[in-house]
Amino acid sequence: MIPGGSGHLGQILAQHFHSRGHGVTVIARTPVGGPWRVAAWNGHGLDRWVNELEGADVLINLAGRSVDCRYIGVHKREILDSRILPTRVLGQAIGGLKTPPKLWMNASTATIYRHALDREMDEETGEYGRCEPDAPRAWGFSVDVAEQWEEEFFQAKAPGTRKVALRSAMVMSAEGGAFPALLRLVRLGLGGAAGSGRQFVSWVHEADFVRAVEHLIARENMGDVVNVAAPCPLPNQDFMAMLRAAWGKRFGLDLSERMLEFGAVFLRTETELILKSRRVVPGRLLQDGFRFAFPGWAAAARDLVDRSRNARSRKAGTTRRMPTMADFLH
């Protein structure tokens, strides 16, 4: 069961589990068609979709409005409500089931940790942060959302259900999310360091995200919060340099904080998404023996670039195909 599964990440999970023969149901406000079952919900009230949860093995809640917007009043309320209300109503639904899901995984975010340049943040020793000395006060909003989101999740009464909060870093996928936007900057010659370039980037390859979810499903001893991030976060300047190398681009224009602020207003987004230092590591996954297929960014970037190039070639082949004799005969 995947509430909020019409988004890019939900579709990745749905496709993966469906391809392996599992019964998959996506629950979404705007259902997207697929070879799996789809159920509609409004995200804040009990309805017929509750019946879909009865007897389910795993519930993976990904509901939440995109944070890629300006943090003005109305958007802040939408960001918070779109996470808190679905989590609350899922808890209410589970509480009324005869056979509740064995496992409830709820999306969270690695941005719950403070702006960290000095050391790594794992689940045991990581520090939450709002107004660190070297971080803008506005960045506290994201931490507040994350904390309230997890509080709502863990206080839900579901005694027969194991709970895991997925504190995910940016999931890198060739088909959507942050990676195509980053690669576009590189292609345009704008893929240099952002701001000082010293801030750390935490990320995870989509293949490892899916494998981590599978690992957590299988390991019944694991609960509470889990960082889903590659074990090697790196400074933004190195992150972008490796992406340029994967694409074969030597030069990338550095973007100052002032340039980023101007661009953020124009693009209706926030600079926190790129300037906050997220130095997050997957302590509990590593302790439990999980092995990443892409622990380092250089290999992950090459894989994602190759996939992007192949996708562009396929698209070009279908849209700009040279006419053949058969075309004229028909």
Protein backbone atom coordinates (compact mmCIF):
# COMPACT_ATOMS: atom_id res chain seq x y z
CA MET A 1 0.00 0.00 0.00
CA ILE A 2 1.51 3.34 -1.07
CA PRO A 3 -0.44 6.46 -0.03
CA GLY A 4 0.91 9.44 -1.93
CA GLY A 5 2.18 6.99 -4.53
CA SER A 6 1.36 9.07 -7.61
CA GLY A 7 4.61 11.05 -7.27
CA HIS A 8 7.93 10.12 -8.83
CA LEU A 9 9.24 8.21 -5.82
CA GLY A 10 5.96 6.38 -5.31
CA GLN A 11 5.94 5.29 -8.94
CA ILE A 12 9.49 3.95 -8.61
CA LEU A 13 8.46 1.81 -5.62
CA ALA A 14 5.18 0.71 -7.22
CA GLN A 15 6.94 -0.37 -10.42
CA HIS A 16 9.66 -2.19 -8.50
CA PHE A 17 7.36 -4.23 -6.27
CA HIS A 18 4.83 -4.88 -9.03
CA SER A 19 7.57 -6.21 -11.31
CA ARG A 20 8.47 -8.72 -8.61
CA GLY A 21 4.97 -10.09 -8.33
CA HIS A 22 3.75 -8.24 -5.25
CA GLY A 23 0.22 -6.88 -5.06
CA VAL A 24 0.54 -3.09 -5.12
CA THR A 25 -2.13 -0.47 -4.39
CA VAL A 26 -1.41 3.22 -4.87
CA ILE A 27 -3.63 5.60 -2.87
CA ALA A 28 -3.52 9.16 -4.18
CA ARG A 29 -5.42 12.43 -4.53
CA THR A 30 -4.77 12.42 -8.27
CA PRO A 31 -4.51 8.72 -9.17
CA VAL A 32 -2.03 7.91 -11.93
CA GLY A 33 -2.85 4.87 -14.04
CA GLY A 34 -0.59 1.85 -13.95
CA PRO A 35 -0.60 -1.94 -13.94
CA TRP A 36 -1.40 -1.92 -10.22
CA ARG A 37 -4.51 -1.13 -8.22
CA VAL A 38 -5.31 2.56 -7.67
CA ALA A 39 -7.59 4.03 -4.99
CA ALA A 40 -8.59 7.67 -4.53
CA TRP A 41 -8.42 9.60 -1.25
CA ASN A 42 -8.51 13.22 -0.15
CA GLY A 43 -5.64 12.84 2.30
CA HIS A 44 -7.50 14.09 5.36
CA GLY A 45 -10.54 11.90 5.97
CA LEU A 46 -11.61 8.27 6.32
CA ASP A 47 -13.37 6.82 3.30
CA ARG A 48 -13.64 3.62 1.27
CA TRP A 49 -9.86 3.54 0.77
CA VAL A 50 -9.57 2.34 4.38
CA ASN A 51 -10.79 -1.09 3.23
CA GLU A 52 -7.66 -1.39 1.11
CA LEU A 53 -5.52 -1.43 4.27
CA GLU A 54 -7.23 -4.48 5.79
CA GLY A 55 -4.78 -7.39 5.74
CA ALA A 56 -2.04 -5.44 3.95
CA ASP A 57 1.54 -6.47 4.68
CA VAL A 58 3.31 -3.13 4.24
CA LEU A 59 2.13 0.47 4.24
CA ILE A 60 4.55 3.07 2.78
CA ASN A 61 3.22 6.60 3.22
CA LEU A 62 4.83 9.16 0.90
CA ALA A 63 2.11 11.83 1.02
CA GLY A 64 3.36 15.41 1.13
CA ARG A 65 3.38 18.58 -0.96
CA SER A 66 6.63 19.41 -2.74
CA VAL A 67 8.96 21.73 -0.81
CA ASP A 68 10.24 23.20 -4.08
CA CYS A 69 8.42 26.53 -3.60
CA ARG A 70 8.74 29.87 -1.81
CA TYR A 71 8.21 29.53 1.94
CA ILE A 72 5.38 32.04 2.23
CA GLY A 73 2.47 31.63 4.63
CA VAL A 74 0.08 29.67 2.42
CA HIS A 75 2.80 27.36 1.13
CA LYS A 76 4.10 26.70 4.63
CA ARG A 77 0.63 25.67 5.75
CA GLU A 78 0.21 23.40 2.70
CA ILE A 79 3.62 21.77 3.27
CA LEU A 80 2.83 21.05 6.92
CA ASP A 81 -0.80 19.98 6.49
CA SER A 82 -0.05 17.72 3.53
CA ARG A 83 2.26 15.71 5.79
CA ILE A 84 0.55 15.85 9.18
CA LEU A 85 -3.05 15.22 8.10
CA PRO A 86 -2.46 12.09 5.95
CA THR A 87 -0.23 10.62 8.67
CA ARG A 88 -2.90 11.31 11.29
CA VAL A 89 -5.73 9.81 9.24
CA LEU A 90 -3.66 6.72 8.44
CA GLY A 91 -3.11 6.21 12.15
CA GLN A 92 -6.86 6.50 12.73
CA ALA A 93 -7.53 4.02 9.93
CA ILE A 94 -5.03 1.46 11.23
CA GLY A 95 -6.52 1.73 14.71
CA GLY A 96 -9.88 0.51 13.40
CA LEU A 97 -8.64 -2.47 11.38
CA LYS A 98 -9.08 -6.10 12.37
CA THR A 99 -5.86 -7.07 10.55
CA PRO A 100 -3.63 -3.98 10.38
CA PRO A 101 -0.45 -3.83 8.27
CA LYS A 102 2.54 -5.55 9.83
CA LEU A 103 4.79 -2.63 8.89
CA TRP A 104 4.12 1.08 8.48
CA MET A 105 6.91 3.07 6.85
CA ASN A 106 6.40 6.82 6.85
CA ALA A 107 8.36 9.32 4.79
CA SER A 108 10.48 11.79 6.73
CA THR A 109 13.50 13.84 5.73
CA ALA A 110 17.23 14.06 6.38
CA THR A 111 16.86 17.83 6.65
CA ILE A 112 15.74 17.29 10.25
CA TYR A 113 19.45 17.48 11.20
CA ARG A 114 21.27 20.73 11.67
CA HIS A 115 23.35 22.58 9.08
CA ALA A 116 26.49 20.49 9.60
CA LEU A 117 29.95 21.26 8.25
CA ASP A 118 31.92 19.87 11.19
CA ARG A 119 30.78 16.25 11.50
CA GLU A 120 28.47 13.53 10.23
CA MET A 121 24.90 13.11 11.47
CA ASP A 122 23.62 9.59 12.15
CA GLU A 123 20.51 8.40 13.96
CA GLU A 124 22.20 8.04 17.35
CA THR A 125 24.29 11.20 17.62
CA GLY A 126 22.77 13.50 15.01
CA GLU A 127 21.65 16.92 16.24
CA TYR A 128 18.45 18.62 15.19
CA GLY A 129 18.92 22.25 14.24
CA ARG A 130 16.90 25.40 13.76
CA CYS A 131 18.93 28.59 14.11
CA GLU A 132 22.59 27.59 14.06
CA PRO A 133 25.06 30.50 14.14
CA ASP A 134 26.03 30.04 10.48
CA ALA A 135 22.54 29.25 9.14
CA PRO A 136 19.63 31.59 8.30
CA ARG A 137 16.72 31.59 10.74
CA ALA A 138 14.34 30.78 7.87
CA TRP A 139 15.82 27.30 7.68
CA GLY A 140 14.17 26.41 10.98
CA PHE A 141 10.85 25.88 9.22
CA SER A 142 11.99 22.66 7.53
CA VAL A 143 13.21 21.22 10.83
CA ASP A 144 9.94 22.14 12.55
CA VAL A 145 7.98 20.36 9.82
CA ALA A 146 10.15 17.25 10.09
CA GLU A 147 9.84 17.10 13.88
CA GLN A 148 6.05 17.56 13.86
CA TRP A 149 5.72 15.00 11.07
CA GLU A 150 7.62 12.33 13.00
CA GLU A 151 5.83 13.18 16.24
CA GLU A 152 2.46 12.64 14.54
CA PHE A 153 3.68 9.35 13.13
CA PHE A 154 5.08 7.87 16.32
CA GLN A 155 2.19 8.95 18.55
CA ALA A 156 -0.35 7.16 16.31
CA LYS A 157 -1.80 4.19 18.19
CA ALA A 158 -0.90 1.09 16.16
CA PRO A 159 0.30 -1.50 18.71
CA GLY A 160 0.38 -4.39 16.25
CA THR A 161 2.31 -2.52 13.58
CA ARG A 162 6.08 -1.97 13.36
CA LYS A 163 6.93 1.63 12.50
CA VAL A 164 9.89 3.06 10.57
CA ALA A 165 10.41 6.73 9.70
CA LEU A 166 12.44 7.06 6.51
CA ARG A 167 14.77 10.03 6.91
CA SER A 168 15.65 10.15 3.24
CA ALA A 169 18.28 12.26 1.56
CA MET A 170 17.71 13.43 -2.02
CA VAL A 171 16.85 10.37 -4.10
CA MET A 172 18.80 10.61 -7.35
CA SER A 173 16.95 9.27 -10.38
CA ALA A 174 17.52 9.84 -14.08
CA GLU A 175 13.77 10.10 -14.67
CA GLY A 176 12.76 12.75 -12.14
CA GLY A 177 13.40 14.57 -8.90
CA ALA A 178 16.51 16.68 -8.32
CA PHE A 179 18.94 14.94 -10.66
CA PRO A 180 17.57 16.12 -14.06
CA ALA A 181 17.63 19.72 -12.79
CA LEU A 182 21.24 19.37 -11.61
CA LEU A 183 22.28 17.77 -14.89
CA ARG A 184 20.57 20.57 -16.82
CA LEU A 185 22.77 23.09 -14.98
CA VAL A 186 25.86 21.12 -15.99
CA ARG A 187 24.79 20.94 -19.63
CA LEU A 188 24.20 24.71 -19.67
CA GLY A 189 27.63 25.42 -18.20
CA LEU A 190 26.19 26.50 -14.84
CA GLY A 191 27.23 23.42 -12.87
CA GLY A 192 29.88 24.97 -10.66
CA ALA A 193 29.88 25.34 -6.89
CA ALA A 194 26.80 26.79 -5.22
CA GLY A 195 27.58 29.50 -2.68
CA SER A 196 30.76 28.61 -0.83
CA GLY A 197 30.62 25.06 -2.18
CA ARG A 198 31.60 23.81 1.28
CA GLN A 199 28.11 22.68 2.29
CA PHE A 200 27.68 18.91 2.24
CA VAL A 201 25.28 17.13 -0.08
CA SER A 202 23.54 13.97 1.14
CA TRP A 203 22.04 11.81 -1.57
CA VAL A 204 21.02 8.24 -2.39
CA HIS A 205 20.77 6.45 -5.74
CA GLU A 206 17.23 5.33 -6.56
CA ALA A 207 18.37 1.69 -6.73
CA ASP A 208 19.72 1.88 -3.19
CA PHE A 209 16.59 3.64 -1.94
CA VAL A 210 14.45 0.75 -3.20
CA ARG A 211 16.90 -1.82 -1.84
CA ALA A 212 16.91 -0.08 1.55
CA VAL A 213 13.11 -0.23 1.67
CA GLU A 214 13.26 -3.94 0.86
CA HIS A 215 15.90 -4.43 3.56
CA LEU A 216 13.75 -2.71 6.17
CA ILE A 217 10.73 -4.80 5.21
CA ALA A 218 12.70 -8.00 5.69
CA ARG A 219 14.48 -7.01 8.92
CA GLU A 220 11.77 -7.22 11.57
CA ASN A 221 14.20 -6.06 14.26
CA MET A 222 14.52 -2.59 12.72
CA GLY A 223 12.20 0.22 13.75
CA ASP A 224 12.15 3.84 14.88
CA VAL A 225 14.06 6.24 12.55
CA VAL A 226 16.39 5.19 9.74
CA ASN A 227 18.59 7.46 7.62
CA VAL A 228 18.26 6.48 3.97
CA ALA A 229 21.33 8.13 2.47
CA ALA A 230 24.52 7.01 0.78
CA PRO A 231 27.39 6.62 3.27
CA CYS A 232 29.59 9.22 1.57
CA PRO A 233 28.14 12.75 1.63
CA LEU A 234 30.50 15.26 0.04
CA PRO A 235 30.91 19.04 -0.34
CA ASN A 236 28.81 20.67 -3.01
CA GLN A 237 31.86 21.77 -5.01
CA ASP A 238 33.08 18.15 -5.24
CA PHE A 239 29.58 16.84 -5.89
CA MET A 240 29.17 19.15 -8.90
CA ALA A 241 32.71 18.49 -10.16
CA MET A 242 32.01 14.74 -10.26
CA LEU A 243 28.73 15.33 -12.05
CA ARG A 244 30.51 17.50 -14.64
CA ALA A 245 33.13 14.77 -15.11
CA ALA A 246 30.42 12.17 -15.63
CA TRP A 247 28.84 14.32 -18.34
CA GLY A 248 32.21 15.26 -19.84
CA LYS A 249 32.02 18.97 -19.07
CA ARG A 250 35.18 20.65 -17.84
CA PHE A 251 33.76 24.02 -16.92
CA GLY A 252 30.93 25.00 -14.61
CA LEU A 253 30.11 28.56 -13.59
CA ASP A 254 30.11 29.06 -9.82
CA LEU A 255 26.90 30.59 -8.47
CA SER A 256 27.24 33.01 -5.55
CA GLU A 257 24.67 33.15 -2.78
CA ARG A 258 23.40 36.46 -4.18
CA MET A 259 22.94 34.90 -7.61
CA LEU A 260 21.16 31.95 -6.05
CA GLU A 261 18.84 34.23 -4.05
CA PHE A 262 17.91 36.12 -7.21
CA GLY A 263 17.35 32.89 -9.12
CA ALA A 264 15.30 31.39 -6.28
CA VAL A 265 12.87 34.31 -6.39
CA PHE A 266 12.59 34.00 -10.16
CA LEU A 267 12.13 30.20 -10.01
CA ARG A 268 9.84 30.40 -6.96
CA THR A 269 11.95 28.15 -4.77
CA GLU A 270 14.23 28.46 -1.70
CA THR A 271 18.03 28.53 -1.51
CA GLU A 272 17.91 26.28 1.58
CA LEU A 273 17.42 23.33 -0.76
CA ILE A 274 20.97 23.80 -2.08
CA LEU A 275 22.81 25.84 0.57
CA LYS A 276 21.99 23.92 3.74
CA SER A 277 24.77 21.49 4.64
CA ARG A 278 23.29 17.99 5.00
CA ARG A 279 26.04 15.68 6.21
CA VAL A 280 23.85 12.66 6.90
CA VAL A 281 25.06 9.05 7.09
CA PRO A 282 23.08 5.77 7.30
CA GLY A 283 24.30 4.52 10.67
CA ARG A 284 21.60 1.94 11.31
CA LEU A 285 21.56 0.49 7.80
CA LEU A 286 25.34 0.01 7.86
CA GLN A 287 25.23 -1.51 11.34
CA ASP A 288 22.63 -3.99 10.11
CA GLY A 289 24.86 -5.12 7.24
CA PHE A 290 23.21 -3.26 4.37
CA ARG A 291 25.57 -2.85 1.41
CA PHE A 292 25.08 0.01 -0.99
CA ALA A 293 25.33 -0.64 -4.71
CA PHE A 294 26.38 3.01 -5.11
CA PRO A 295 28.18 4.13 -1.94
CA GLY A 296 30.15 6.85 -3.78
CA TRP A 297 28.84 9.71 -5.89
CA ALA A 298 31.29 9.37 -8.82
CA ALA A 299 29.98 5.92 -9.84
CA ALA A 300 26.38 6.91 -9.12
CA ALA A 301 26.72 10.04 -11.28
CA ARG A 302 28.16 8.02 -14.18
CA ASP A 303 25.29 5.53 -13.97
CA LEU A 304 22.64 8.26 -13.87
CA VAL A 305 24.27 10.21 -16.71
CA ASP A 306 24.38 7.07 -18.86
CA ARG A 307 20.71 6.44 -18.16
CA SER A 308 19.86 10.04 -19.00
CA ARG A 309 21.78 9.88 -22.27
CA ASN A 310 20.10 6.61 -23.23
CA ALA A 311 16.67 8.08 -22.46
CA ARG A 312 17.45 11.18 -24.56
CA SER A 313 18.66 8.99 -27.43
CA ARG A 314 15.49 6.90 -27.33
CA LYS A 315 13.35 10.02 -27.30
CA ALA A 316 15.30 11.56 -30.16
CA GLY A 317 14.99 8.33 -32.11
CA THR A 318 11.21 8.35 -31.85
CA THR A 319 10.70 12.07 -32.49
CA ARG A 320 13.32 12.66 -35.20
CA ARG A 321 13.36 9.34 -37.03
CA MET A 322 14.41 9.55 -40.69
CA PRO A 323 11.60 8.57 -43.07
CA THR A 324 11.85 5.16 -44.73
CA MET A 325 10.43 3.85 -47.98
CA ALA A 326 7.61 2.25 -46.03
CA ASP A 327 6.51 5.68 -44.83
CA PHE A 328 6.15 6.89 -48.43
CA LEU A 329 4.38 3.73 -49.56
CA HIS A 330 1.79 4.19 -46.81
